[in-house]
Protein backbone atom coordinates (compact mmCIF):
# COMPACT_ATOMS: atom_id res chain seq x y z
CA ALA A 1 -33.25 46.74 -138.37
CA VAL A 2 -31.82 44.01 -140.49
CA SER A 3 -35.48 42.21 -142.42
CA PRO A 4 -36.28 38.71 -140.41
CA PRO A 5 -33.75 36.27 -141.14
CA ASN A 6 -34.83 33.49 -144.19
CA PRO A 7 -35.17 30.34 -141.64
CA THR A 8 -32.85 28.34 -144.11
CA ILE A 9 -30.03 30.01 -142.95
CA TYR A 10 -30.20 29.20 -139.36
CA GLN A 11 -31.05 25.58 -140.71
CA ASN A 12 -27.82 25.59 -142.95
CA PHE A 13 -25.85 26.90 -140.20
CA LEU A 14 -26.97 24.40 -137.53
CA GLN A 15 -26.52 21.48 -139.81
CA CYS A 16 -22.26 22.56 -140.96
CA PHE A 17 -22.07 23.87 -137.20
CA SER A 18 -23.44 20.12 -136.12
CA ASN A 19 -20.86 18.76 -138.86
CA GLN A 20 -18.03 20.55 -137.73
CA THR A 21 -18.59 19.89 -134.01
CA GLN A 22 -19.80 16.79 -134.26
CA SER A 23 -22.73 17.23 -132.16
CA PRO A 24 -26.66 16.53 -133.01
CA PRO A 25 -28.37 19.80 -133.66
CA ASN A 26 -30.30 19.11 -130.57
CA SER A 27 -27.64 19.63 -128.40
CA LEU A 28 -26.81 22.61 -129.85
CA SER A 29 -30.26 24.45 -128.57
CA ASP A 30 -27.95 27.10 -126.12
CA VAL A 31 -25.58 27.43 -128.34
CA VAL A 32 -26.84 28.32 -131.80
CA LEU A 33 -29.55 31.14 -131.25
CA PRO A 34 -31.80 31.98 -133.86
CA GLN A 35 -33.89 35.38 -133.34
CA THR A 36 -36.81 32.75 -132.26
CA ALA A 37 -34.74 31.15 -129.57
CA PRO A 38 -35.95 32.45 -125.86
CA ALA A 39 -32.51 32.92 -125.01
CA PHE A 40 -31.87 35.31 -127.85
CA THR A 41 -32.91 38.27 -126.78
CA PRO A 42 -31.27 38.15 -123.39
CA THR A 43 -27.92 36.38 -124.51
CA LEU A 44 -27.86 39.68 -126.53
CA ARG A 45 -28.74 42.40 -124.24
CA ALA A 46 -26.44 41.02 -121.64
CA TYR A 47 -23.46 42.43 -123.15
CA ILE A 48 -24.82 45.54 -124.89
CA ARG A 49 -23.23 48.28 -122.63
CA ASN A 50 -24.60 51.41 -125.22
CA ALA A 51 -28.35 52.06 -124.60
CA ARG A 52 -28.07 53.61 -128.21
CA PHE A 53 -27.78 50.14 -129.60
CA ASN A 54 -30.33 48.55 -127.47
CA THR A 55 -33.30 49.39 -129.31
CA SER A 56 -36.46 47.90 -131.78
CA THR A 57 -35.16 49.78 -134.53
CA THR A 58 -31.18 48.43 -133.96
CA SER A 59 -29.98 45.80 -136.63
CA LYS A 60 -30.64 42.23 -135.07
CA PRO A 61 -27.68 39.26 -136.00
CA ALA A 62 -29.70 36.48 -137.56
CA ILE A 63 -28.20 34.12 -135.55
CA VAL A 64 -26.61 34.84 -131.74
CA ILE A 65 -23.39 32.22 -131.44
CA ALA A 66 -23.05 31.81 -127.38
CA ALA A 67 -19.40 29.85 -128.25
CA ARG A 68 -18.87 27.03 -124.71
CA SER A 69 -15.59 25.64 -126.66
CA GLU A 70 -12.76 26.37 -129.08
CA ALA A 71 -14.31 24.23 -131.37
CA HIS A 72 -17.89 25.96 -131.26
CA VAL A 73 -15.50 29.06 -132.60
CA GLN A 74 -13.69 27.25 -134.85
CA ALA A 75 -17.31 26.07 -136.39
CA THR A 76 -18.67 29.62 -135.99
CA VAL A 77 -15.69 30.51 -138.51
CA LEU A 78 -15.93 28.07 -141.01
CA CYS A 79 -19.69 28.12 -140.97
CA THR A 80 -20.22 31.71 -140.79
CA LYS A 81 -17.75 32.21 -143.91
CA SER A 82 -19.65 29.50 -146.36
CA LEU A 83 -22.59 30.69 -146.01
CA ASN A 84 -21.38 34.45 -146.86
CA VAL A 85 -22.72 36.35 -143.79
CA GLN A 86 -20.51 39.01 -141.74
CA LEU A 87 -19.39 37.72 -138.41
CA LYS A 88 -18.95 40.41 -135.76
CA THR A 89 -17.34 39.27 -132.13
CA ARG A 90 -18.37 40.36 -128.83
CA SER A 91 -16.21 39.90 -125.77
CA GLY A 92 -17.11 42.43 -123.42
CA GLY A 93 -19.60 44.69 -125.25
CA HIS A 94 -18.14 48.22 -124.01
CA ASP A 95 -17.39 49.07 -127.74
CA TYR A 96 -18.51 52.29 -127.57
CA GLU A 97 -20.27 52.35 -131.10
CA GLY A 98 -21.97 48.85 -130.62
CA VAL A 99 -19.58 47.39 -133.24
CA SER A 100 -18.96 44.29 -132.40
CA TYR A 101 -22.90 43.44 -132.21
CA THR A 102 -24.56 45.61 -134.76
CA SER A 103 -24.35 45.92 -138.57
CA ASN A 104 -26.00 47.20 -141.61
CA VAL A 105 -25.85 43.84 -143.55
CA PRO A 106 -26.96 40.47 -142.57
CA PHE A 107 -24.57 38.91 -139.90
CA PHE A 108 -24.51 36.57 -137.31
CA VAL A 109 -23.11 37.72 -133.53
CA LEU A 110 -20.17 35.19 -131.67
CA ASP A 111 -20.61 35.78 -128.26
CA MET A 112 -17.25 34.89 -126.34
CA SER A 113 -18.46 35.83 -122.85
CA ASN A 114 -18.58 31.88 -121.82
CA LEU A 115 -15.32 31.87 -122.67
CA ARG A 116 -13.74 33.31 -119.65
CA ASN A 117 -11.02 31.18 -117.68
CA ILE A 118 -8.43 32.46 -116.35
CA THR A 119 -5.68 30.10 -114.98
CA VAL A 120 -2.75 32.00 -112.81
CA ASP A 121 0.29 30.01 -112.43
CA GLY A 122 3.13 32.06 -110.64
CA GLU A 123 3.93 35.19 -112.56
CA THR A 124 2.07 34.72 -115.32
CA ALA A 125 -1.86 34.24 -116.48
CA TRP A 126 -3.60 32.71 -119.66
CA VAL A 127 -6.83 34.87 -119.59
CA GLY A 128 -9.76 34.01 -122.25
CA ALA A 129 -11.02 36.86 -124.17
CA GLY A 130 -14.41 36.28 -122.47
CA ALA A 131 -13.16 37.11 -118.67
CA THR A 132 -13.76 40.52 -117.36
CA LEU A 133 -10.84 42.57 -116.09
CA GLY A 134 -12.85 42.45 -112.58
CA GLU A 135 -12.13 38.68 -112.84
CA VAL A 136 -8.59 39.11 -114.20
CA TYR A 137 -7.83 40.98 -111.40
CA TYR A 138 -9.61 39.02 -108.97
CA ARG A 139 -7.94 36.30 -109.70
CA ILE A 140 -4.32 37.49 -109.20
CA TRP A 141 -5.53 38.71 -105.52
CA GLU A 142 -6.87 35.23 -105.06
CA LYS A 143 -3.21 33.95 -105.71
CA THR A 144 -0.67 36.68 -105.10
CA LYS A 145 -0.98 39.93 -102.83
CA LEU A 146 2.49 40.77 -104.80
CA HIS A 147 0.79 41.17 -108.24
CA GLY A 148 -1.53 43.15 -110.33
CA PHE A 149 -1.62 43.92 -114.14
CA PRO A 150 -2.10 47.23 -115.89
CA ALA A 151 -5.30 47.19 -117.63
CA GLY A 152 -8.33 49.46 -117.65
CA VAL A 153 -10.37 50.57 -114.15
CA CYS A 154 -14.00 49.48 -115.58
CA PRO A 155 -14.47 45.78 -114.25
CA THR A 156 -16.73 44.88 -116.70
CA VAL A 157 -14.44 45.28 -120.01
CA GLY A 158 -13.99 42.17 -121.87
CA ALA A 159 -10.04 41.05 -121.85
CA GLY A 160 -10.57 39.97 -125.40
CA GLY A 161 -11.03 43.46 -126.81
CA HIS A 162 -9.37 45.33 -124.22
CA ILE A 163 -5.91 43.72 -124.58
CA SER A 164 -5.99 43.82 -128.53
CA GLY A 165 -6.58 47.39 -128.97
CA GLY A 166 -3.37 48.45 -126.70
CA GLY A 167 -5.23 48.83 -122.93
CA TYR A 168 -4.59 50.89 -120.71
CA GLY A 169 -4.78 51.47 -116.76
CA ASN A 170 -3.59 53.73 -113.89
CA MET A 171 -0.29 52.10 -113.56
CA ILE A 172 0.65 52.90 -117.32
CA ARG A 173 3.09 55.31 -116.53
CA LYS A 174 5.05 52.38 -114.65
CA TYR A 175 4.55 49.77 -116.84
CA GLY A 176 3.23 50.89 -119.99
CA LEU A 177 0.10 49.41 -122.25
CA SER A 178 -1.66 45.89 -121.29
CA VAL A 179 0.33 44.58 -124.98
CA ASP A 180 3.69 44.66 -123.18
CA TYR A 181 2.90 41.81 -121.01
CA VAL A 182 1.33 39.51 -123.38
CA THR A 183 3.60 37.38 -124.22
CA ASP A 184 1.16 34.53 -126.48
CA ALA A 185 -2.10 34.28 -127.31
CA LYS A 186 -4.71 32.03 -129.13
CA ILE A 187 -6.50 33.02 -131.87
CA VAL A 188 -8.84 31.18 -134.40
CA ASP A 189 -7.94 32.44 -137.90
CA VAL A 190 -10.14 32.60 -141.06
CA ASN A 191 -9.54 28.59 -142.05
CA GLY A 192 -10.69 27.55 -138.45
CA ARG A 193 -7.21 26.45 -137.41
CA VAL A 194 -5.97 27.07 -133.55
CA LEU A 195 -2.59 28.99 -133.74
CA ASP A 196 -0.65 29.65 -130.97
CA ARG A 197 2.63 32.71 -130.91
CA LYS A 198 4.47 30.17 -132.59
CA SER A 199 2.41 28.97 -135.21
CA MET A 200 0.79 32.21 -135.77
CA GLY A 201 4.49 33.90 -136.02
CA GLU A 202 5.95 37.26 -135.07
CA ASP A 203 4.03 39.35 -137.50
CA LEU A 204 0.44 38.32 -136.75
CA PHE A 205 1.15 38.49 -133.09
CA TRP A 206 2.75 41.77 -133.38
CA ALA A 207 -0.94 42.51 -135.16
CA ILE A 208 -3.19 41.71 -132.25
CA ARG A 209 -1.17 43.29 -129.66
CA GLY A 210 -3.04 46.60 -130.17
CA GLY A 211 -4.12 46.52 -134.50
CA GLY A 212 -7.43 45.04 -132.63
CA GLY A 213 -7.95 41.03 -132.64
CA ALA A 214 -11.80 41.67 -134.97
CA SER A 215 -9.64 41.92 -138.59
CA PHE A 216 -7.15 39.41 -138.48
CA GLY A 217 -9.55 36.11 -136.36
CA VAL A 218 -10.80 35.30 -132.94
CA ILE A 219 -8.65 35.83 -130.33
CA LEU A 220 -9.22 32.88 -128.11
CA ALA A 221 -6.70 33.81 -125.24
CA TYR A 222 -3.78 36.13 -123.87
CA LYS A 223 -0.97 35.13 -122.26
CA ILE A 224 0.17 37.74 -119.68
CA THR A 225 2.54 38.22 -117.43
CA LEU A 226 2.07 40.08 -114.53
CA VAL A 227 3.96 43.39 -112.74
CA PRO A 228 4.56 43.53 -109.04
CA VAL A 229 2.66 46.08 -106.87
CA PRO A 230 3.59 47.01 -103.23
CA PRO A 231 1.90 46.10 -100.38
CA THR A 232 0.58 50.02 -99.61
CA VAL A 233 -1.01 52.60 -102.72
CA THR A 234 -2.03 56.17 -101.61
CA VAL A 235 -5.03 57.53 -103.89
CA PHE A 236 -6.94 60.42 -103.80
CA ARG A 237 -9.38 62.93 -105.33
CA VAL A 238 -9.03 66.63 -104.95
CA GLU A 239 -11.72 69.09 -107.00
CA LYS A 240 -11.01 72.67 -107.91
CA HIS A 241 -13.60 74.46 -109.63
CA LEU A 242 -13.04 77.94 -111.93
CA ASP A 243 -13.35 80.39 -109.08
CA GLU A 244 -10.69 78.07 -107.44
CA ASN A 245 -7.86 78.27 -109.83
CA ALA A 246 -9.20 75.24 -111.69
CA VAL A 247 -7.46 76.92 -115.09
CA GLU A 248 -3.57 77.42 -113.50
CA MET A 249 -4.27 73.89 -111.65
CA VAL A 250 -5.08 72.21 -115.26
CA HIS A 251 -2.48 74.67 -116.59
CA LYS A 252 0.03 73.07 -114.06
CA TRP A 253 -1.48 69.44 -114.36
CA GLN A 254 0.40 69.10 -118.37
CA PHE A 255 4.24 70.17 -117.17
CA VAL A 256 3.80 67.69 -114.05
CA ALA A 257 1.12 64.59 -114.68
CA PRO A 258 3.17 63.60 -117.96
CA LYS A 259 6.74 63.73 -116.24
CA THR A 260 6.52 62.80 -112.77
CA ASP A 261 7.43 59.79 -110.74
CA PRO A 262 6.39 57.04 -112.94
CA SER A 263 4.70 55.50 -109.57
CA LEU A 264 2.16 58.20 -109.88
CA PHE A 265 -0.77 58.73 -112.32
CA MET A 266 -2.96 61.59 -112.32
CA ARG A 267 -5.77 61.69 -114.12
CA LEU A 268 -7.96 64.79 -114.71
CA LEU A 269 -11.31 65.25 -115.20
CA LEU A 270 -12.88 68.70 -116.86
CA GLN A 271 -16.70 68.69 -116.00
CA PRO A 272 -19.29 71.46 -116.64
CA VAL A 273 -21.26 72.11 -113.79
CA THR A 274 -23.74 73.67 -111.80
CA ARG A 275 -22.36 75.09 -108.39
CA ASN A 276 -24.52 78.42 -106.27
CA LYS A 277 -26.59 78.42 -109.24
CA ALA A 278 -23.79 79.66 -112.08
CA GLN A 279 -22.57 77.51 -114.37
CA THR A 280 -18.56 76.25 -114.23
CA VAL A 281 -16.28 74.02 -114.72
CA ARG A 282 -15.22 71.29 -111.96
CA ALA A 283 -11.55 70.03 -112.64
CA SER A 284 -10.83 66.44 -110.54
CA VAL A 285 -7.74 65.22 -110.41
CA LEU A 286 -7.92 61.28 -109.36
CA ALA A 287 -4.63 59.75 -108.50
CA LEU A 288 -2.84 56.30 -107.97
CA PHE A 289 0.27 56.36 -106.42
CA LEU A 290 2.46 52.74 -105.80
CA GLY A 291 3.77 53.89 -102.87
CA LYS A 292 2.84 55.66 -99.21
CA SER A 293 0.86 58.83 -98.89
CA SER A 294 3.68 60.64 -97.02
CA ASP A 295 6.05 60.24 -100.38
CA VAL A 296 3.18 61.21 -102.97
CA LEU A 297 2.15 64.67 -100.51
CA SER A 298 5.86 65.72 -99.84
CA LEU A 299 6.49 64.92 -103.86
CA LEU A 300 3.73 67.09 -104.87
CA THR A 301 4.23 69.59 -102.25
CA ARG A 302 7.20 70.74 -103.82
CA ASP A 303 6.24 69.68 -107.75
CA PHE A 304 2.38 70.62 -107.73
CA PRO A 305 1.42 72.88 -105.18
CA GLU A 306 -1.06 74.83 -107.43
CA LEU A 307 -3.21 71.27 -106.75
CA GLY A 308 -3.30 71.68 -102.85
CA LEU A 309 -2.99 68.77 -101.91
CA LYS A 310 -3.26 67.60 -98.04
CA GLN A 311 -2.95 64.55 -96.28
CA GLU A 312 -6.93 64.20 -95.61
CA ASN A 313 -7.59 63.85 -99.24
CA CYS A 314 -5.00 60.88 -99.67
CA THR A 315 -6.63 57.18 -98.67
CA GLU A 316 -3.62 54.19 -98.54
CA LEU A 317 -4.52 50.85 -99.69
CA THR A 318 -4.10 47.89 -101.10
CA TRP A 319 -3.57 47.72 -104.61
CA ILE A 320 -6.78 45.33 -104.81
CA GLN A 321 -8.19 47.94 -102.65
CA SER A 322 -7.52 50.75 -104.93
CA VAL A 323 -9.04 48.31 -107.70
CA LEU A 324 -12.04 48.84 -106.29
CA TRP A 325 -11.72 52.59 -105.36
CA TRP A 326 -11.02 53.15 -109.08
CA ALA A 327 -14.52 51.40 -109.54
CA ASN A 328 -16.43 54.28 -107.57
CA ASN A 329 -16.63 52.40 -104.47
CA ASP A 330 -15.41 55.08 -102.08
CA ASN A 331 -15.67 52.65 -98.84
CA ALA A 332 -12.97 50.59 -100.61
CA THR A 333 -11.90 49.07 -97.54
CA GLN A 334 -15.09 47.92 -96.66
CA VAL A 335 -16.33 46.12 -100.22
CA LYS A 336 -15.34 42.79 -100.53
CA PRO A 337 -13.14 41.89 -104.04
CA GLU A 338 -15.63 39.54 -105.07
CA ILE A 339 -17.72 42.47 -106.60
CA LEU A 340 -15.26 42.35 -109.09
CA LEU A 341 -16.69 39.40 -110.27
CA ASP A 342 -20.20 40.86 -111.05
CA ARG A 343 -20.75 41.08 -114.90
CA HIS A 344 -23.67 43.24 -114.59
CA PRO A 345 -25.79 41.89 -117.09
CA ASP A 346 -28.02 43.77 -119.52
CA THR A 347 -27.24 47.70 -118.15
CA ALA A 348 -26.39 49.75 -120.53
CA THR A 349 -26.99 53.74 -120.84
CA TYR A 350 -26.63 55.82 -123.29
CA GLY A 351 -23.26 57.73 -124.37
CA LYS A 352 -20.90 59.08 -127.12
CA ARG A 353 -16.54 58.98 -126.91
CA LYS A 354 -14.29 60.62 -128.62
CA SER A 355 -10.74 61.14 -128.45
CA ASP A 356 -7.97 63.37 -128.91
CA TYR A 357 -3.81 63.21 -128.37
CA VAL A 358 -2.28 66.59 -126.89
CA GLU A 359 1.79 66.83 -127.57
CA LYS A 360 2.21 70.67 -126.88
CA GLU A 361 0.64 72.07 -123.49
CA ILE A 362 -2.05 74.12 -123.80
CA THR A 363 -1.70 77.57 -123.00
CA LYS A 364 -3.66 79.31 -119.85
CA GLU A 365 -5.52 81.21 -122.58
CA GLY A 366 -6.55 77.73 -124.74
CA LEU A 367 -7.56 76.12 -121.29
CA ASP A 368 -9.59 79.38 -120.62
CA TYR A 369 -11.11 79.20 -123.76
CA LEU A 370 -12.20 75.49 -123.99
CA MET A 371 -13.99 75.77 -120.49
CA ARG A 372 -16.04 78.26 -121.54
CA LYS A 373 -16.50 76.26 -124.41
CA MET A 374 -17.55 73.47 -122.38
CA ILE A 375 -20.20 75.36 -120.84
CA GLU A 376 -21.81 76.60 -123.61
CA VAL A 377 -22.02 73.70 -125.40
CA GLY A 378 -23.59 71.67 -122.44
CA LYS A 379 -22.73 68.55 -120.85
CA THR A 380 -19.83 66.91 -122.80
CA GLY A 381 -17.07 66.31 -120.27
CA LEU A 382 -13.24 65.70 -120.88
CA VAL A 383 -10.80 63.31 -118.90
CA PHE A 384 -7.11 63.93 -119.75
CA ASN A 385 -4.81 60.64 -119.13
CA PRO A 386 -1.19 61.86 -118.96
CA TYR A 387 1.35 59.87 -120.68
CA GLY A 388 5.71 59.64 -120.30
CA GLY A 389 7.43 57.06 -117.69
CA LYS A 390 7.42 53.58 -119.56
CA MET A 391 5.04 55.19 -122.10
CA SER A 392 7.71 57.51 -123.69
CA GLU A 393 10.52 54.32 -123.23
CA VAL A 394 8.68 51.87 -125.86
CA ALA A 395 9.08 52.29 -129.73
CA THR A 396 6.14 53.85 -131.23
CA THR A 397 6.61 50.63 -133.81
CA ALA A 398 7.18 47.69 -131.02
CA THR A 399 3.36 47.54 -131.66
CA PRO A 400 0.62 49.04 -133.59
CA PHE A 401 -0.05 51.31 -130.81
CA PRO A 402 1.57 54.59 -132.18
CA HIS A 403 0.71 56.97 -129.59
CA ARG A 404 3.61 56.51 -126.72
CA THR A 405 5.51 59.85 -126.99
CA LYS A 406 2.13 62.06 -126.93
CA LEU A 407 2.12 64.04 -123.27
CA TYR A 408 -1.68 63.09 -122.83
CA LYS A 409 -4.61 61.65 -124.01
CA VAL A 410 -7.98 63.27 -123.92
CA GLN A 411 -11.34 61.56 -123.64
CA HIS A 412 -14.54 63.19 -125.22
CA SER A 413 -17.16 61.75 -122.86
CA ILE A 414 -21.21 62.53 -122.59
CA ASN A 415 -23.76 60.40 -121.08
CA TRP A 416 -27.25 61.03 -121.20
CA LYS A 417 -30.84 59.29 -119.86
CA ASP A 418 -33.29 60.41 -122.20
CA PRO A 419 -34.41 57.86 -124.75
CA GLY A 420 -35.14 58.28 -128.23
CA THR A 421 -33.76 59.99 -131.51
CA VAL A 422 -34.15 63.69 -130.93
CA ALA A 423 -32.16 63.39 -127.16
CA GLU A 424 -29.49 61.14 -129.18
CA SER A 425 -28.95 63.78 -132.26
CA SER A 426 -28.98 66.37 -130.02
CA PHE A 427 -26.39 65.01 -127.72
CA LEU A 428 -24.42 63.63 -130.55
CA GLN A 429 -24.12 67.26 -131.99
CA GLN A 430 -22.93 68.36 -129.09
CA THR A 431 -19.44 66.45 -128.69
CA ARG A 432 -19.34 66.83 -132.43
CA SER A 433 -19.32 70.81 -131.73
CA PHE A 434 -17.00 70.40 -128.51
CA TYR A 435 -14.72 67.99 -131.02
CA SER A 436 -14.28 71.07 -133.60
CA TYR A 437 -13.33 73.47 -130.89
CA MET A 438 -10.90 71.28 -129.50
CA ALA A 439 -8.91 70.76 -132.82
CA PRO A 440 -6.48 73.75 -132.49
CA PHE A 441 -5.30 72.11 -129.30
CA VAL A 442 -4.56 68.30 -130.42
CA THR A 443 -2.51 66.59 -133.45
CA GLN A 444 -3.21 67.26 -136.41
CA ASN A 445 -2.75 65.50 -140.38
CA PRO A 446 -3.37 62.79 -138.89
CA ARG A 447 -6.01 63.95 -135.42
CA HIS A 448 -4.67 60.92 -133.88
CA THR A 449 -7.29 58.89 -131.77
CA TYR A 450 -7.46 55.57 -129.58
CA LEU A 451 -8.75 52.62 -131.63
CA ASN A 452 -10.34 51.37 -128.12
CA TYR A 453 -12.88 54.88 -127.66
CA ARG A 454 -14.06 53.64 -130.98
CA ASP A 455 -15.99 56.85 -132.84
CA LEU A 456 -17.18 56.56 -136.58
CA ASP A 457 -17.63 59.76 -136.87
CA ILE A 458 -13.80 60.03 -138.19
CA GLY A 459 -14.39 57.67 -140.72
CA VAL A 460 -16.01 54.17 -141.86
CA ASN A 461 -15.29 51.40 -144.39
CA THR A 462 -18.23 50.85 -147.22
CA HIS A 463 -15.81 47.11 -148.20
CA GLY A 464 -16.71 48.61 -152.04
CA PRO A 465 -13.81 49.79 -154.40
CA ASN A 466 -12.68 52.44 -152.37
CA SER A 467 -12.06 49.94 -149.13
CA TYR A 468 -8.14 50.96 -149.03
CA ARG A 469 -8.20 54.72 -149.03
CA GLU A 470 -11.97 54.72 -146.44
CA ALA A 471 -9.93 52.77 -144.58
CA GLU A 472 -6.68 54.96 -144.98
CA VAL A 473 -8.68 57.57 -143.37
CA TYR A 474 -9.45 56.15 -139.89
CA GLY A 475 -6.52 53.38 -140.03
CA ARG A 476 -4.10 56.23 -139.91
CA LYS A 477 -5.73 58.27 -137.00
CA TYR A 478 -6.25 55.30 -134.93
CA PHE A 479 -2.38 53.50 -135.63
CA GLY A 480 -0.08 56.34 -137.39
CA GLU A 481 3.02 54.44 -138.98
CA ASN A 482 1.61 51.34 -137.92
CA PHE A 483 -1.10 51.47 -140.71
CA ASP A 484 1.15 49.92 -143.20
CA ARG A 485 2.52 47.12 -141.78
CA LEU A 486 -0.96 45.72 -140.26
CA VAL A 487 -2.21 45.96 -143.80
CA LYS A 488 0.39 43.80 -144.91
CA VAL A 489 -0.49 41.49 -142.06
CA LYS A 490 -3.88 41.63 -143.12
CA THR A 491 -3.65 40.96 -146.38
CA ALA A 492 -1.49 37.83 -145.57
CA VAL A 493 -3.80 36.13 -143.18
CA ASP A 494 -6.92 36.88 -144.31
CA PRO A 495 -6.84 37.70 -148.26
CA LEU A 496 -10.52 37.69 -149.03
CA ASN A 497 -11.55 40.18 -145.93
CA PHE A 498 -13.74 37.88 -144.17
CA PHE A 499 -13.05 39.80 -140.97
CA ARG A 500 -14.29 43.09 -141.57
CA ASP A 501 -16.27 45.54 -139.93
CA GLU A 502 -16.86 48.99 -140.05
CA GLN A 503 -13.74 50.36 -139.40
CA SER A 504 -11.80 46.96 -139.77
CA VAL A 505 -7.98 47.06 -141.52
CA PRO A 506 -8.21 46.26 -144.81
CA THR A 507 -6.14 43.85 -147.44
CA LEU A 508 -4.10 45.60 -149.87
CA PRO A 509 -6.20 46.84 -152.79
CA ALA A 510 -5.23 44.72 -156.07
CA LYS A 511 -2.73 45.77 -158.72
CA LEU A 512 -4.55 47.19 -161.56
């Protein structure tokens, strides 16, 4: 943990912040929070979503800035820069590696959770970076029952991080990524200026739609275009175990899910489970179909008989009810959409995530091997998310997100309840072992990874003389060929690398 901060740092920051915002220091007690402030710990903990980074030994910021206005964000950037301290910006706190609120050098956290305003106007909306996806969906539903937005299924994810890293959800095959519907943005740059699309220019606007916001400035808000949704959608869940031809079903899924009607998204989950006292693997297909159950039933009876979909598996819902269903509310027709406004502050579970991309279907033998390895390793689960449809129609360089032509994305997922470092190192070792078993079946050189499934195992930046070389290792995995353009943008807008973290986009190395 970082040692207790020098009190003069707080005094200097507060004085600078007071000058910049033209506010007396005593009026800022709920905004600028040193470690001694009563609100410091509750504010810091409210959006820690991974319990691995919620311990007494986890590094703590010297100051948390609970910004309540654009001016507070501007002052935070200028004053942190003048003190030469690292700044971490956090919107929803779902960063899987805690990068937005931990560091191994002295740092401040800029908490954006109060900048959560959402204004829906016709078929567009402005969304504050601190808004949650649940709030976005609710505010859209409040105004129109004919529209939705293609973004993530977890309602407590922060919009700022989600959209800036690409953003996807269960309408990805019909509509593509969240960033494909961003038409404007507001960002505070390294000089403390508030810029929109026009004033920031197309290069920076391109970078913050998939390159992550944190390398380039502080995202204040995004303007998004809503997408049409039908009055009736269908969801279903079908489960099979190894003794119920799960391998055949998963194998066929690879040929159907990425190529079928773009209105159908079939997520596949593989989990090691105990059944009848024996270890096995459960394969579950969770789906959203933008249409009626009779249509998806006839489609999959024809194209995917191995799934064995029946009418009783299907539930017809409104789009907002499907959002509730995907957020694990099985009684989605009874639950009120208002629960999407619940932020569940200060709730964290222990977990680790990794990701991969598959561009050629895995053979039945390969799948059989992977499932046996899952049982052997213990607790690691996999989530397969199909691409195709709209995804493959957009150029891989249109945004920094380079993975559009892949068949499907794999998320490696492990959660646990036991606190302490012994359990943690055991579970982390499990995920790393399974990641090595997965290697022959996924993309190579680079082994592609999704930025929003943050994974520090794939490389970190020490921001020393080899900063660019270190960044290239993880940068090519996250961004592929788009890494070079991101570096150029970074060098132009933040040449002194103020906005930096363990996996930020680097500046071009100075010519020798």
